[in-house]
Protein backbone atom coordinates (compact mmCIF):
# COMPACT_ATOMS: atom_id res chain seq x y z
CA TYR A 1 0.00 0.00 0.00
CA GLN A 2 2.73 2.51 0.91
CA GLY A 3 4.43 2.17 -2.46
CA CYS A 4 1.36 3.01 -4.50
CA LYS A 5 -0.45 5.50 -2.26
CA GLU A 6 0.86 8.45 -4.29
CA PHE A 7 -0.62 6.98 -7.47
CA ILE A 8 -4.13 6.45 -6.13
CA PRO A 9 -5.30 10.08 -6.61
CA VAL A 10 -3.86 10.13 -10.14
CA ALA A 11 -5.58 6.84 -11.00
CA PHE A 12 -8.83 8.21 -9.60
CA ILE A 13 -8.61 11.42 -11.66
CA VAL A 14 -7.77 9.54 -14.86
CA SER A 15 -10.63 7.09 -14.21
CA VAL A 16 -13.16 9.87 -13.59
CA ALA A 17 -12.00 11.73 -16.72
CA LYS A 18 -12.28 8.54 -18.79
CA GLY A 19 -15.75 7.97 -17.33
CA LEU A 20 -16.67 11.52 -18.31
CA SER A 21 -15.36 10.89 -21.82
CA ILE A 22 -17.39 7.66 -22.13
CA THR A 23 -20.51 9.38 -20.78
CA LEU A 24 -20.12 12.24 -23.24
CA MET A 25 -19.66 9.81 -26.14
CA ASP A 26 -22.51 7.47 -25.17
CA SER A 27 -24.93 10.35 -24.65
CA GLY A 28 -23.94 12.04 -27.90
CA LEU A 29 -23.18 15.23 -26.00
CA ASN A 30 -19.59 15.26 -27.23
CA SER A 31 -20.87 15.45 -30.82
CA LYS A 32 -23.08 18.41 -29.96
CA ILE A 33 -20.22 20.19 -28.20
CA ALA A 34 -17.82 19.41 -31.07
CA GLU A 35 -20.35 20.64 -33.66
CA GLY A 36 -20.89 23.86 -31.72
CA LEU A 37 -17.19 24.44 -31.23
CA GLY A 38 -16.46 23.53 -34.85
CA SER A 39 -19.10 25.95 -36.15
CA VAL A 40 -17.54 28.72 -34.07
CA LEU A 41 -13.98 27.80 -35.11
CA GLU A 42 -14.78 27.84 -38.82
CA HIS A 43 -15.67 31.53 -38.58
CA VAL A 44 -12.55 32.72 -36.76
CA PRO A 45 -8.96 32.92 -37.97
CA ALA A 46 -6.42 30.38 -36.77
CA ILE A 47 -5.07 32.70 -34.07
CA GLY A 48 -8.58 33.22 -32.67
CA ALA A 49 -9.21 29.46 -32.68
CA MET A 50 -5.91 28.92 -30.90
CA VAL A 51 -6.75 31.45 -28.21
CA MET A 52 -10.22 29.94 -27.71
CA ILE A 53 -8.84 26.42 -27.31
CA PHE A 54 -6.08 27.72 -25.03
CA LEU A 55 -8.61 29.42 -22.73
CA VAL A 56 -10.91 26.38 -22.59
CA ILE A 57 -8.02 24.04 -21.78
CA ALA A 58 -6.54 26.47 -19.22
CA LEU A 59 -9.90 26.64 -17.43
CA LEU A 60 -10.54 22.90 -17.54
CA THR A 61 -7.02 22.15 -16.26
CA ILE A 62 -8.07 23.62 -12.93
CA PHE A 63 -10.78 20.97 -12.61
CA ILE A 64 -8.98 18.05 -14.32
CA PRO A 65 -5.28 18.48 -13.42
CA SER A 66 -4.24 15.16 -14.97
CA SER A 67 -2.88 15.63 -18.48
CA SER A 68 -3.94 12.16 -19.60
CA GLY A 69 -7.34 12.56 -17.97
CA LEU A 70 -7.92 15.93 -19.62
CA ALA A 71 -6.72 14.56 -22.95
CA ALA A 72 -9.12 11.61 -22.67
CA ALA A 73 -12.00 13.96 -21.95
CA MET A 74 -11.19 16.71 -24.46
CA PHE A 75 -9.22 15.37 -27.45
CA PRO A 76 -12.20 13.65 -29.11
CA MET A 77 -14.12 16.94 -29.04
CA ILE A 78 -11.16 19.13 -30.02
CA SER A 79 -10.16 16.89 -32.94
CA SER A 80 -13.75 16.69 -34.22
CA SER A 81 -14.06 20.47 -33.96
CA VAL A 82 -10.82 21.08 -35.84
CA VAL A 83 -11.80 18.65 -38.59
CA GLN A 84 -15.24 20.26 -38.91
CA ALA A 85 -13.77 23.77 -39.01
CA GLY A 86 -11.65 22.79 -42.00
CA ALA A 87 -8.38 24.04 -43.43
CA ASN A 88 -9.14 27.74 -42.93
CA THR A 89 -8.51 27.55 -39.22
CA ILE A 90 -6.13 25.89 -36.77
CA THR A 91 -4.36 22.66 -37.77
CA MET A 92 -4.53 19.47 -35.71
CA SER A 93 -0.90 19.90 -34.67
CA GLY A 94 -1.68 23.48 -33.68
CA ALA A 95 -4.58 22.24 -31.53
CA VAL A 96 -2.31 19.71 -29.79
CA THR A 97 0.33 22.37 -29.18
CA THR A 98 -2.33 24.71 -27.82
CA PHE A 99 -3.60 21.96 -25.52
CA ALA A 100 -0.09 21.39 -24.13
CA ALA A 101 0.56 25.11 -23.74
CA GLY A 102 -2.75 25.81 -22.01
CA MET A 103 -2.29 22.94 -19.60
CA GLY A 104 1.38 23.75 -18.95
CA TRP A 105 0.72 27.43 -18.30
CA THR A 106 -2.14 26.73 -15.91
CA ASN A 107 -0.10 24.15 -14.02
CA LEU A 108 2.55 26.80 -13.33
CA PHE A 109 0.38 28.56 -10.76
CA THR A 110 -2.76 26.62 -9.86
CA PRO A 111 -2.87 24.78 -6.55
CA THR A 112 -4.02 21.65 -8.41
CA GLY A 113 -0.88 21.81 -10.56
CA MET A 114 2.71 21.77 -9.39
CA ALA A 115 2.65 25.05 -7.46
CA LEU A 116 1.80 23.62 -4.04
CA PRO A 117 4.42 20.83 -4.06
CA PHE A 118 7.06 23.35 -5.14
CA CYS A 119 5.97 25.83 -2.45
CA GLU A 120 6.10 23.09 0.15
CA SER A 121 9.59 21.99 -0.85
CA ALA A 122 10.82 25.61 -0.91
CA LYS A 123 9.11 26.34 2.44
CA ILE A 124 7.18 29.37 1.15
CA SER A 125 3.47 30.08 1.24
CA TYR A 126 1.35 29.88 -1.90
CA ALA A 127 0.41 33.57 -1.48
CA ASP A 128 4.10 34.56 -1.38
CA PHE A 129 4.74 32.42 -4.46
CA ILE A 130 1.96 34.15 -6.43
CA LYS A 131 3.07 37.58 -5.21
CA GLY A 132 6.64 36.91 -6.36
CA ALA A 133 5.95 34.99 -9.57
CA TRP A 134 2.94 36.69 -11.19
CA LYS A 135 5.09 38.75 -13.56
CA GLN A 136 7.01 35.70 -14.78
CA ILE A 137 3.74 33.76 -15.18
CA LEU A 138 2.36 36.61 -17.29
CA ILE A 139 5.56 36.69 -19.37
CA VAL A 140 5.25 32.95 -20.02
CA LEU A 141 1.63 33.47 -21.10
CA VAL A 142 2.48 36.28 -23.53
CA ALA A 143 5.53 34.46 -24.92
CA GLY A 144 3.59 31.22 -25.36
CA LEU A 145 0.70 32.92 -27.13
CA ALA A 146 3.15 34.82 -29.36
CA LEU A 147 4.97 31.61 -30.32
CA MET A 148 1.68 29.83 -31.07
CA ALA A 149 0.50 32.82 -33.12
CA GLY A 150 3.77 32.65 -35.04
CA GLY A 151 3.13 28.96 -35.64
CA CYS A 152 -0.34 29.78 -37.02
CA TYR A 153 1.21 32.36 -39.33
CA VAL A 154 3.96 30.02 -40.58
CA THR A 155 1.45 27.20 -41.10
CA SER A 156 -0.83 29.47 -43.13
CA MET A 157 2.07 30.30 -45.48
CA PHE A 158 2.25 26.71 -46.73
């Protein structure tokens, strides 16, 4: 028991996310969400689609901190939306990159991410961490969005 007790919460989160994914697929709700998202994405440029996906993933990362759990719940809908939106918007690789960036950025500072373990090991409070790191977190956000926007631009050239 002692050897696996750290993995039990992760297994629980991944299981719940997979259950959510199955429920969404069996109920057909994922198709409705994907159609709605796809119809919105087909009317916005690639950079707008990237920002929308980034914000959705950043928000959902707070509630599903497991990357594999979030991927199991969201990738079917994101991929269907990107395919429906067509070639005028974000590419599939751009959507995957946006997923990773949104999740990585959110995990920098949310208590459900890596912030609390790092604060504990450094012996500082979470409030002090946020007070001292908010500028760097904002810089990472701006730099990440700029790099993804550059990727959208380069992709659209070919």
